Structures are given as C-alpha cells and as structure tokens.
C-alpha cells in the first residue's frame, strides 16, 4: 500500500486468480494489469462502473480493484452493487490521499482493503493475494453451508414411524433405564418420572443410541451414523447432531439451559447419565 501503511509478507501465495480492474485512467489500468499478469493472474480491465457490472456477468472475477473517483458511477457506488450481486467477490479500493477517509468508510461497508495511488507493485501483489485467499475462503464456506443445509433437509425427510417390518415382542431387555428416564424399545416410547415424552423419530434414535452406551461418550460421527444412518465428516456431524441435541434437551432435561443428563464432552461428542 502507501508508504504510511506497511504490509505483512504473504506466507501462503495463492494460485493465480481472476481479477477485474476498474479505473477511468487507461495508463493506471495498464500498469496494474501488467504487474498482475506477470504473476499469472487472468486480468480484465474496464473504464467505468457501468462497464464493470456488465463485464462481471460474463467474467467470474474473484477480486475487483476499483478506483474511488470515476465519472458516472463512483467506486463506492459500484462497491455496493457488487456486494449485492456478487457477495463473495473481494473488493480493493484505489484511493489518493484526498479520498483516504472515503476509502476507509468503504472498507467498513464491505471492501476488503484499499491501496494508495500510485500503487507500488509489491503492495498490489500483497493485497490481491490476500483478497484472493479471502474470496476463496468465503466461497468454500458457502459451499460447505449448502452441503450442511442439504444434510438437514435429508434428516427432516426421515420417516415419522420406525421402519420395523415385524412387531417386536416386549421383553425385559426392551426396557432401558437411565436415572428416572425409561426407554421402552418395544413400544417406541420414552417416559421421565412417569410422563410420556413426545419425541420425533430422530430425537428418539439419538436418545436411544446414547442410552445404549451406558454413560460412555459417543463421538459426533458415530452418533450421526448410529442414530441417523448418515455418513458425515466430523465438522458436519457436529453441526447435524447439535440441532437434535438442543431439541432433545428441551424435552428431557428439567433445566435445558443447564443439562444434567445429556452432557457434551467438548470437541468429542455426547453422553447420557442419570440426572
């Protein structure tokens, strides 16, 4: 950046990315473009905010470098439009000393960072590298959340009744007791202090899986596999089971906010004990 803003060294240089340059001064665009292309980035440049919005419909940019002062649509106005339509696109503002305060305001409004004009080559490389990493991190996070949402939808579509093909006879082994909690596997019923609990099929399977462990810890992945019949990575399993544990505590625990029966072992899983 400018001389007043020292920048850290990039420890992990990202793979070359796609960069859009927006500046009404062609000599500035050409200079920045040459620097970035030398590093292997795919770079396209336009002279106005209107052109930038049109170009972004066909060019999947990961980083946009915008001049704040441009005729017509200003850089700050263009920033607002970009964040509305392409929220994962990292935006770097180009500013002179006279518009430094405006650039700092733009960062608060969603810009990734800013560069003082004239931008030095090393400063440009550093900020674009960090911006690429941030853009890719946000895109990966969005993709993971989408995967998680699909998993939750699959859980919500589980059958409302247990898939038993034959009636299960009531035998002493059909009854599980954990403190004052009684699980009747034959009747598919759970009672606490004699009162029947209205559990969903998923909640029942989670509670049963924990009860059968006799107080031992059940890790997130195993619990999701046994109770929900779903293969998941550790991070996904933890998020999937958290929702069911929460609703289960509301029905099982006397004080759900201070659980005494369904206990979390941080970073490992859950266990069920007599409250």
C-alpha atoms as a PDB file:
ATOM      1  CA  UNK A   1       0.000   0.000   0.000  1.00  0.00           C
ATOM      2  CA  UNK A   2       1.200   3.595   0.522  1.00  0.00           C
ATOM      3  CA  UNK A   3       4.319   4.388   2.467  1.00  0.00           C
ATOM      4  CA  UNK A   4       2.255   5.138   5.606  1.00  0.00           C
ATOM      5  CA  UNK A   5       0.824   1.557   5.693  1.00  0.00           C
ATOM      6  CA  UNK A   6       3.456  -1.225   5.976  1.00  0.00           C
ATOM      7  CA  UNK A   7       2.157  -4.548   4.758  1.00  0.00           C
ATOM      8  CA  UNK A   8       2.910  -8.073   6.030  1.00  0.00           C
ATOM      9  CA  UNK A   9       4.613 -10.654   3.865  1.00  0.00           C
ATOM     10  CA  UNK A  10       2.360 -13.242   2.246  1.00  0.00           C
ATOM     11  CA  UNK A  11       3.182 -16.615   3.779  1.00  0.00           C
ATOM     12  CA  UNK A  12       0.955 -18.647   1.510  1.00  0.00           C
ATOM     13  CA  UNK A  13       0.891 -17.346  -2.039  1.00  0.00           C
ATOM     14  CA  UNK A  14      -2.469 -18.265  -3.633  1.00  0.00           C
ATOM     15  CA  UNK A  15      -2.865 -19.833  -7.032  1.00  0.00           C
ATOM     16  CA  UNK A  16      -3.334 -17.240  -9.788  1.00  0.00           C
ATOM     17  CA  UNK A  17      -6.871 -15.911  -9.886  1.00  0.00           C
ATOM     18  CA  UNK A  18      -9.265 -13.738 -11.873  1.00  0.00           C
ATOM     19  CA  UNK A  19      -9.001 -10.007 -11.311  1.00  0.00           C
ATOM     20  CA  UNK A  20     -11.119  -7.129 -12.657  1.00  0.00           C
ATOM     21  CA  UNK A  21      -9.510  -3.655 -12.802  1.00  0.00           C
ATOM     22  CA  UNK A  22     -11.831  -0.618 -12.891  1.00  0.00           C
ATOM     23  CA  UNK A  23     -10.291   2.816 -13.456  1.00  0.00           C
ATOM     24  CA  UNK A  24     -11.071   5.608 -15.907  1.00  0.00           C
ATOM     25  CA  UNK A  25      -7.345   6.287 -16.442  1.00  0.00           C
ATOM     26  CA  UNK A  26      -6.029   3.839 -19.024  1.00  0.00           C
ATOM     27  CA  UNK A  27      -2.362   4.279 -18.078  1.00  0.00           C
ATOM     28  CA  UNK A  28      -3.102   3.243 -14.483  1.00  0.00           C
ATOM     29  CA  UNK A  29      -5.109   0.230 -15.646  1.00  0.00           C
ATOM     30  CA  UNK A  30      -2.360  -0.899 -17.988  1.00  0.00           C
ATOM     31  CA  UNK A  31       0.314  -0.565 -15.302  1.00  0.00           C
ATOM     32  CA  UNK A  32      -1.627  -2.573 -12.724  1.00  0.00           C
ATOM     33  CA  UNK A  33      -2.631  -5.127 -15.335  1.00  0.00           C
ATOM     34  CA  UNK A  34       0.983  -5.759 -16.367  1.00  0.00           C
ATOM     35  CA  UNK A  35       2.022  -6.382 -12.749  1.00  0.00           C
ATOM     36  CA  UNK A  36      -0.774  -8.861 -12.086  1.00  0.00           C
ATOM     37  CA  UNK A  37      -0.437 -10.673 -15.399  1.00  0.00           C
ATOM     38  CA  UNK A  38       3.250 -11.170 -14.681  1.00  0.00           C
ATOM     39  CA  UNK A  39       2.168 -13.189 -11.603  1.00  0.00           C
ATOM     40  CA  UNK A  40      -0.092 -15.358 -13.762  1.00  0.00           C
ATOM     41  CA  UNK A  41      -3.444 -13.767 -12.909  1.00  0.00           C
ATOM     42  CA  UNK A  42      -6.173 -13.566 -15.528  1.00  0.00           C
ATOM     43  CA  UNK A  43      -6.926  -9.848 -15.680  1.00  0.00           C
ATOM     44  CA  UNK A  44      -9.626  -7.874 -17.440  1.00  0.00           C
ATOM     45  CA  UNK A  45      -9.991  -4.085 -17.231  1.00  0.00           C
ATOM     46  CA  UNK A  46     -12.758  -1.574 -17.845  1.00  0.00           C
ATOM     47  CA  UNK A  47     -13.038   2.201 -17.604  1.00  0.00           C
ATOM     48  CA  UNK A  48     -16.322   2.696 -15.700  1.00  0.00           C
ATOM     49  CA  UNK A  49     -18.652   1.254 -13.079  1.00  0.00           C
ATOM     50  CA  UNK A  50     -21.342   0.534 -15.660  1.00  0.00           C
ATOM     51  CA  UNK A  51     -18.856  -1.427 -17.782  1.00  0.00           C
ATOM     52  CA  UNK A  52     -17.723  -3.316 -14.687  1.00  0.00           C
ATOM     53  CA  UNK A  53     -21.245  -4.513 -13.871  1.00  0.00           C
ATOM     54  CA  UNK A  54     -21.719  -5.697 -17.440  1.00  0.00           C
ATOM     55  CA  UNK A  55     -18.330  -7.457 -17.524  1.00  0.00           C
ATOM     56  CA  UNK A  56     -19.000  -9.271 -14.237  1.00  0.00           C
ATOM     57  CA  UNK A  57     -21.967 -11.057 -15.804  1.00  0.00           C
ATOM     58  CA  UNK A  58     -19.544 -12.953 -18.051  1.00  0.00           C
ATOM     59  CA  UNK A  59     -16.225 -12.748 -16.185  1.00  0.00           C
ATOM     60  CA  UNK A  60     -16.179 -14.696 -12.889  1.00  0.00           C
ATOM     61  CA  UNK A  61     -13.794 -12.356 -11.099  1.00  0.00           C
ATOM     62  CA  UNK A  62     -12.558 -13.274  -7.622  1.00  0.00           C
ATOM     63  CA  UNK A  63     -11.080  -9.845  -6.889  1.00  0.00           C
ATOM     64  CA  UNK A  64     -12.075  -6.398  -8.166  1.00  0.00           C
ATOM     65  CA  UNK A  65      -9.728  -3.403  -7.877  1.00  0.00           C
ATOM     66  CA  UNK A  66     -11.801  -0.195  -8.082  1.00  0.00           C
ATOM     67  CA  UNK A  67     -10.841   3.453  -8.323  1.00  0.00           C
ATOM     68  CA  UNK A  68     -12.928   5.521  -5.895  1.00  0.00           C
ATOM     69  CA  UNK A  69     -13.141   8.590  -8.110  1.00  0.00           C
ATOM     70  CA  UNK A  70     -14.630   7.851 -11.515  1.00  0.00           C
ATOM     71  CA  UNK A  71     -17.069   9.826 -13.671  1.00  0.00           C
ATOM     72  CA  UNK A  72     -20.604   8.483 -13.574  1.00  0.00           C
ATOM     73  CA  UNK A  73     -20.832   5.647 -11.066  1.00  0.00           C
ATOM     74  CA  UNK A  74     -18.288   6.155  -8.289  1.00  0.00           C
ATOM     75  CA  UNK A  75     -16.206   3.359  -6.836  1.00  0.00           C
ATOM     76  CA  UNK A  76     -18.227   3.341  -3.606  1.00  0.00           C
ATOM     77  CA  UNK A  77     -21.494   3.054  -5.532  1.00  0.00           C
ATOM     78  CA  UNK A  78     -20.002   0.225  -7.598  1.00  0.00           C
ATOM     79  CA  UNK A  79     -18.884  -1.496  -4.371  1.00  0.00           C
ATOM     80  CA  UNK A  80     -22.487  -1.506  -3.138  1.00  0.00           C
ATOM     81  CA  UNK A  81     -23.737  -3.068  -6.370  1.00  0.00           C
ATOM     82  CA  UNK A  82     -21.005  -5.719  -6.367  1.00  0.00           C
ATOM     83  CA  UNK A  83     -21.671  -6.758  -2.767  1.00  0.00           C
ATOM     84  CA  UNK A  84     -25.368  -7.058  -3.557  1.00  0.00           C
ATOM     85  CA  UNK A  85     -24.931  -9.238  -6.645  1.00  0.00           C
ATOM     86  CA  UNK A  86     -21.579 -10.977  -6.001  1.00  0.00           C
ATOM     87  CA  UNK A  87     -21.111 -11.069  -2.193  1.00  0.00           C
ATOM     88  CA  UNK A  88     -18.040 -13.341  -2.336  1.00  0.00           C
ATOM     89  CA  UNK A  89     -16.104 -11.072  -4.692  1.00  0.00           C
ATOM     90  CA  UNK A  90     -13.318  -9.339  -2.703  1.00  0.00           C
ATOM     91  CA  UNK A  91     -13.068  -5.622  -3.497  1.00  0.00           C
ATOM     92  CA  UNK A  92      -9.924  -3.495  -3.171  1.00  0.00           C
ATOM     93  CA  UNK A  93     -10.344   0.285  -3.425  1.00  0.00           C
ATOM     94  CA  UNK A  94      -7.797   2.560  -5.151  1.00  0.00           C
ATOM     95  CA  UNK A  95      -7.585   5.970  -3.494  1.00  0.00           C
ATOM     96  CA  UNK A  96      -5.498   9.110  -3.346  1.00  0.00           C
ATOM     97  CA  UNK A  97      -4.715  10.955  -0.114  1.00  0.00           C
ATOM     98  CA  UNK A  98      -7.674  13.256  -0.747  1.00  0.00           C
ATOM     99  CA  UNK A  99     -10.147  10.372  -0.642  1.00  0.00           C
ATOM    100  CA  UNK A 100      -8.455   8.286   2.053  1.00  0.00           C
ATOM    101  CA  UNK A 101     -11.331   8.807   4.502  1.00  0.00           C
ATOM    102  CA  UNK A 102     -13.782   7.663   1.825  1.00  0.00           C
ATOM    103  CA  UNK A 103     -11.720   4.520   1.275  1.00  0.00           C
ATOM    104  CA  UNK A 104     -11.734   3.707   4.975  1.00  0.00           C
ATOM    105  CA  UNK A 105     -15.515   4.167   5.007  1.00  0.00           C
ATOM    106  CA  UNK A 106     -15.738   1.775   2.041  1.00  0.00           C
ATOM    107  CA  UNK A 107     -13.794  -0.862   3.992  1.00  0.00           C
ATOM    108  CA  UNK A 108     -16.361  -0.590   6.769  1.00  0.00           C
ATOM    109  CA  UNK A 109     -19.076  -1.023   4.127  1.00  0.00           C
ATOM    110  CA  UNK A 110     -17.622  -4.270   2.808  1.00  0.00           C
ATOM    111  CA  UNK A 111     -14.461  -3.522   0.827  1.00  0.00           C
ATOM    112  CA  UNK A 112     -11.636  -5.951   1.618  1.00  0.00           C
ATOM    113  CA  UNK A 113      -8.900  -3.284   1.740  1.00  0.00           C
ATOM    114  CA  UNK A 114      -7.584  -0.202  -0.061  1.00  0.00           C
ATOM    115  CA  UNK A 115      -4.412   0.906  -1.862  1.00  0.00           C
ATOM    116  CA  UNK A 116      -2.974   4.394  -2.022  1.00  0.00           C
ATOM    117  CA  UNK A 117      -2.297   5.689  -5.528  1.00  0.00           C
ATOM    118  CA  UNK A 118       0.116   5.320  -7.158  1.00  0.00           C
ATOM    119  CA  UNK A 119       0.117   1.687  -6.011  1.00  0.00           C
ATOM    120  CA  UNK A 120       3.518   0.022  -5.772  1.00  0.00           C
ATOM    121  CA  UNK A 121       3.969  -3.388  -7.366  1.00  0.00           C
ATOM    122  CA  UNK A 122       4.724  -5.257  -4.130  1.00  0.00           C
ATOM    123  CA  UNK A 123       1.795  -3.633  -2.337  1.00  0.00           C
ATOM    124  CA  UNK A 124      -0.551  -4.573  -5.197  1.00  0.00           C
ATOM    125  CA  UNK A 125       0.660  -8.181  -5.247  1.00  0.00           C
ATOM    126  CA  UNK A 126       0.289  -8.481  -1.475  1.00  0.00           C
ATOM    127  CA  UNK A 127      -3.231  -7.107  -1.194  1.00  0.00           C
ATOM    128  CA  UNK A 128      -4.527  -9.000  -4.241  1.00  0.00           C
ATOM    129  CA  UNK A 129      -3.044 -12.220  -2.829  1.00  0.00           C
ATOM    130  CA  UNK A 130      -4.822 -11.728   0.485  1.00  0.00           C
ATOM    131  CA  UNK A 131      -8.033 -10.763  -1.277  1.00  0.00           C
ATOM    132  CA  UNK A 132      -7.920 -13.944  -3.371  1.00  0.00           C
ATOM    133  CA  UNK A 133      -7.499 -16.055  -0.233  1.00  0.00           C
ATOM    134  CA  UNK A 134     -10.469 -14.324   1.409  1.00  0.00           C
ATOM    135  CA  UNK A 135     -12.683 -14.674  -1.666  1.00  0.00           C
ATOM    136  CA  UNK A 136     -11.903 -18.389  -1.914  1.00  0.00           C
ATOM    137  CA  UNK A 137     -12.429 -18.880   1.836  1.00  0.00           C
ATOM    138  CA  UNK A 138     -15.886 -17.300   1.624  1.00  0.00           C
ATOM    139  CA  UNK A 139     -16.831 -19.378  -1.433  1.00  0.00           C
ATOM    140  CA  UNK A 140     -15.711 -22.603   0.260  1.00  0.00           C
ATOM    141  CA  UNK A 141     -17.598 -21.683   3.419  1.00  0.00           C
ATOM    142  CA  UNK A 142     -20.756 -21.017   1.390  1.00  0.00           C
ATOM    143  CA  UNK A 143     -20.400 -24.384  -0.361  1.00  0.00           C
ATOM    144  CA  UNK A 144     -19.954 -26.196   2.971  1.00  0.00           C
ATOM    145  CA  UNK A 145     -23.016 -24.475   4.425  1.00  0.00           C
ATOM    146  CA  UNK A 146     -25.025 -25.504   1.388  1.00  0.00           C
ATOM    147  CA  UNK A 147     -23.910 -29.115   1.920  1.00  0.00           C
ATOM    148  CA  UNK A 148     -24.961 -28.836   5.556  1.00  0.00           C
ATOM    149  CA  UNK A 149     -28.389 -27.493   4.584  1.00  0.00           C
ATOM    150  CA  UNK A 150     -28.883 -30.424   2.201  1.00  0.00           C
ATOM    151  CA  UNK A 151     -27.993 -32.787   5.052  1.00  0.00           C
ATOM    152  CA  UNK A 152     -30.504 -31.117   7.367  1.00  0.00           C
ATOM    153  CA  UNK A 153     -33.208 -31.388   4.717  1.00  0.00           C
ATOM    154  CA  UNK A 154     -32.475 -35.104   4.391  1.00  0.00           C
ATOM    155  CA  UNK A 155     -32.819 -35.517   8.153  1.00  0.00           C
ATOM    156  CA  UNK A 156     -36.172 -33.725   8.126  1.00  0.00           C
ATOM    157  CA  UNK A 157     -37.403 -36.187   5.497  1.00  0.00           C
ATOM    158  CA  UNK A 158     -36.787 -39.234   7.690  1.00  0.00           C
ATOM    159  CA  UNK A 159     -39.924 -41.401   8.115  1.00  0.00           C
ATOM    160  CA  UNK A 160     -42.178 -40.470  11.022  1.00  0.00           C
ATOM    161  CA  UNK A 161     -42.516 -44.100  12.144  1.00  0.00           C
ATOM    162  CA  UNK A 162     -39.783 -46.659  12.814  1.00  0.00           C
ATOM    163  CA  UNK A 163     -39.055 -48.978   9.874  1.00  0.00           C
ATOM    164  CA  UNK A 164     -39.939 -52.194  11.719  1.00  0.00           C
ATOM    165  CA  UNK A 165     -41.117 -54.952   9.404  1.00  0.00           C
ATOM    166  CA  UNK A 166     -42.210 -57.208  12.271  1.00  0.00           C
ATOM    167  CA  UNK A 167     -43.667 -56.422  15.712  1.00  0.00           C
ATOM    168  CA  UNK A 168     -41.034 -56.525  18.425  1.00  0.00           C
ATOM    169  CA  UNK A 169     -42.131 -58.527  21.480  1.00  0.00           C
ATOM    170  CA  UNK A 170     -41.969 -56.832  24.860  1.00  0.00           C
ATOM    171  CA  UNK A 171     -39.225 -58.439  26.936  1.00  0.00           C
ATOM    172  CA  UNK A 172     -37.209 -57.252  29.941  1.00  0.00           C
ATOM    173  CA  UNK A 173     -34.332 -56.394  27.577  1.00  0.00           C
ATOM    174  CA  UNK A 174     -36.625 -53.987  25.737  1.00  0.00           C
ATOM    175  CA  UNK A 175     -36.521 -51.605  28.692  1.00  0.00           C
ATOM    176  CA  UNK A 176     -33.619 -49.214  29.236  1.00  0.00           C
ATOM    177  CA  UNK A 177     -33.377 -47.095  32.395  1.00  0.00           C
ATOM    178  CA  UNK A 178     -31.118 -44.089  32.869  1.00  0.00           C
ATOM    179  CA  UNK A 179     -31.926 -42.464  36.189  1.00  0.00           C
ATOM    180  CA  UNK A 180     -35.657 -41.691  36.117  1.00  0.00           C
ATOM    181  CA  UNK A 181     -35.687 -41.931  32.319  1.00  0.00           C
ATOM    182  CA  UNK A 182     -37.315 -45.101  30.941  1.00  0.00           C
ATOM    183  CA  UNK A 183     -36.974 -46.086  27.285  1.00  0.00           C
ATOM    184  CA  UNK A 184     -39.303 -48.849  26.060  1.00  0.00           C
ATOM    185  CA  UNK A 185     -37.791 -50.021  22.791  1.00  0.00           C
ATOM    186  CA  UNK A 186     -40.711 -52.367  22.086  1.00  0.00           C
ATOM    187  CA  UNK A 187     -43.321 -49.633  22.440  1.00  0.00           C
ATOM    188  CA  UNK A 188     -41.058 -46.983  20.916  1.00  0.00           C
ATOM    189  CA  UNK A 189     -41.809 -44.891  23.994  1.00  0.00           C
ATOM    190  CA  UNK A 190     -39.844 -42.696  26.395  1.00  0.00           C
ATOM    191  CA  UNK A 191     -41.013 -41.616  29.854  1.00  0.00           C
ATOM    192  CA  UNK A 192     -39.447 -39.481  32.525  1.00  0.00           C
ATOM    193  CA  UNK A 193     -40.889 -39.530  36.040  1.00  0.00           C
ATOM    194  CA  UNK A 194     -43.805 -41.449  34.583  1.00  0.00           C
ATOM    195  CA  UNK A 195     -44.647 -38.795  32.000  1.00  0.00           C
ATOM    196  CA  UNK A 196     -44.506 -39.753  28.302  1.00  0.00           C
ATOM    197  CA  UNK A 197     -42.205 -37.571  26.188  1.00  0.00           C
ATOM    198  CA  UNK A 198     -43.276 -36.578  22.666  1.00  0.00           C
ATOM    199  CA  UNK A 199     -40.072 -37.197  20.714  1.00  0.00           C
ATOM    200  CA  UNK A 200     -39.544 -37.079  16.966  1.00  0.00           C
ATOM    201  CA  UNK A 201     -38.116 -40.235  15.337  1.00  0.00           C
ATOM    202  CA  UNK A 202     -34.688 -38.596  15.049  1.00  0.00           C
ATOM    203  CA  UNK A 203     -34.726 -37.454  18.685  1.00  0.00           C
ATOM    204  CA  UNK A 204     -35.723 -40.938  19.828  1.00  0.00           C
ATOM    205  CA  UNK A 205     -32.902 -42.580  17.865  1.00  0.00           C
ATOM    206  CA  UNK A 206     -30.337 -40.130  19.264  1.00  0.00           C
ATOM    207  CA  UNK A 207     -31.529 -40.712  22.841  1.00  0.00           C
ATOM    208  CA  UNK A 208     -31.588 -44.494  22.369  1.00  0.00           C
ATOM    209  CA  UNK A 209     -28.069 -44.534  20.907  1.00  0.00           C
ATOM    210  CA  UNK A 210     -26.744 -42.587  23.906  1.00  0.00           C
ATOM    211  CA  UNK A 211     -28.661 -44.735  26.415  1.00  0.00           C
ATOM    212  CA  UNK A 212     -27.241 -47.935  24.963  1.00  0.00           C
ATOM    213  CA  UNK A 213     -23.723 -46.621  25.636  1.00  0.00           C
ATOM    214  CA  UNK A 214     -24.386 -46.814  29.396  1.00  0.00           C
ATOM    215  CA  UNK A 215     -22.861 -43.432  30.200  1.00  0.00           C
ATOM    216  CA  UNK A 216     -19.893 -43.699  27.814  1.00  0.00           C
ATOM    217  CA  UNK A 217     -19.073 -40.857  25.426  1.00  0.00           C
ATOM    218  CA  UNK A 218     -20.305 -41.228  21.849  1.00  0.00           C
ATOM    219  CA  UNK A 219     -18.379 -39.172  19.311  1.00  0.00           C
ATOM    220  CA  UNK A 220     -20.207 -36.955  16.809  1.00  0.00           C
ATOM    221  CA  UNK A 221     -19.529 -39.096  13.732  1.00  0.00           C
ATOM    222  CA  UNK A 222     -20.578 -42.371  15.399  1.00  0.00           C
ATOM    223  CA  UNK A 223     -23.692 -40.793  16.882  1.00  0.00           C
ATOM    224  CA  UNK A 224     -24.817 -39.466  13.490  1.00  0.00           C
ATOM    225  CA  UNK A 225     -24.086 -42.837  11.861  1.00  0.00           C
ATOM    226  CA  UNK A 226     -25.870 -44.959  14.507  1.00  0.00           C
ATOM    227  CA  UNK A 227     -28.813 -42.657  15.240  1.00  0.00           C
ATOM    228  CA  UNK A 228     -29.437 -41.017  11.863  1.00  0.00           C
ATOM    229  CA  UNK A 229     -27.894 -43.575   9.490  1.00  0.00           C
ATOM    230  CA  UNK A 230     -25.850 -40.855   7.810  1.00  0.00           C
ATOM    231  CA  UNK A 231     -22.141 -40.802   6.977  1.00  0.00           C
ATOM    232  CA  UNK A 232     -20.632 -37.402   7.777  1.00  0.00           C
ATOM    233  CA  UNK A 233     -17.294 -35.699   8.228  1.00  0.00           C
ATOM    234  CA  UNK A 234     -16.527 -34.670  11.849  1.00  0.00           C
ATOM    235  CA  UNK A 235     -17.340 -30.978  11.306  1.00  0.00           C
ATOM    236  CA  UNK A 236     -20.605 -31.839   9.538  1.00  0.00           C
ATOM    237  CA  UNK A 237     -21.585 -34.477  12.104  1.00  0.00           C
ATOM    238  CA  UNK A 238     -21.101 -31.994  14.935  1.00  0.00           C
ATOM    239  CA  UNK A 239     -23.392 -29.435  13.279  1.00  0.00           C
ATOM    240  CA  UNK A 240     -26.025 -32.010  12.294  1.00  0.00           C
ATOM    241  CA  UNK A 241     -26.324 -33.536  15.760  1.00  0.00           C
ATOM    242  CA  UNK A 242     -26.237 -30.212  17.614  1.00  0.00           C
ATOM    243  CA  UNK A 243     -29.771 -29.321  16.482  1.00  0.00           C
ATOM    244  CA  UNK A 244     -31.227 -32.646  17.656  1.00  0.00           C
ATOM    245  CA  UNK A 245     -29.418 -32.451  21.000  1.00  0.00           C
ATOM    246  CA  UNK A 246     -30.855 -28.993  21.549  1.00  0.00           C
ATOM    247  CA  UNK A 247     -34.484 -30.030  20.914  1.00  0.00           C
ATOM    248  CA  UNK A 248     -33.987 -33.264  22.868  1.00  0.00           C
ATOM    249  CA  UNK A 249     -32.774 -31.357  25.909  1.00  0.00           C
ATOM    250  CA  UNK A 250     -35.884 -29.192  25.801  1.00  0.00           C
ATOM    251  CA  UNK A 251     -37.984 -32.320  26.287  1.00  0.00           C
ATOM    252  CA  UNK A 252     -35.779 -34.442  28.545  1.00  0.00           C
ATOM    253  CA  UNK A 253     -33.982 -32.008  30.828  1.00  0.00           C
ATOM    254  CA  UNK A 254     -35.635 -30.261  33.783  1.00  0.00           C
ATOM    255  CA  UNK A 255     -33.466 -27.216  33.068  1.00  0.00           C
ATOM    256  CA  UNK A 256     -32.401 -27.420  29.392  1.00  0.00           C
ATOM    257  CA  UNK A 257     -30.028 -24.469  29.748  1.00  0.00           C
ATOM    258  CA  UNK A 258     -28.176 -26.389  32.494  1.00  0.00           C
ATOM    259  CA  UNK A 259     -28.356 -30.008  31.291  1.00  0.00           C
ATOM    260  CA  UNK A 260     -27.820 -32.735  33.865  1.00  0.00           C
ATOM    261  CA  UNK A 261     -28.440 -35.795  31.684  1.00  0.00           C
ATOM    262  CA  UNK A 262     -27.370 -35.138  28.091  1.00  0.00           C
ATOM    263  CA  UNK A 263     -23.823 -33.897  28.568  1.00  0.00           C
ATOM    264  CA  UNK A 264     -21.390 -32.535  25.992  1.00  0.00           C
ATOM    265  CA  UNK A 265     -17.756 -33.590  26.058  1.00  0.00           C
ATOM    266  CA  UNK A 266     -16.216 -30.622  24.278  1.00  0.00           C
ATOM    267  CA  UNK A 267     -14.673 -31.489  20.944  1.00  0.00           C
ATOM    268  CA  UNK A 268     -15.571 -35.190  21.272  1.00  0.00           C
ATOM    269  CA  UNK A 269     -19.293 -35.905  21.484  1.00  0.00           C
ATOM    270  CA  UNK A 270     -22.110 -36.540  23.972  1.00  0.00           C
ATOM    271  CA  UNK A 271     -23.010 -38.947  26.782  1.00  0.00           C
ATOM    272  CA  UNK A 272     -26.184 -39.739  28.718  1.00  0.00           C
ATOM    273  CA  UNK A 273     -26.142 -40.034  32.522  1.00  0.00           C
ATOM    274  CA  UNK A 274     -28.793 -40.358  35.223  1.00  0.00           C
ATOM    275  CA  UNK A 275     -29.811 -36.833  36.194  1.00  0.00           C
END
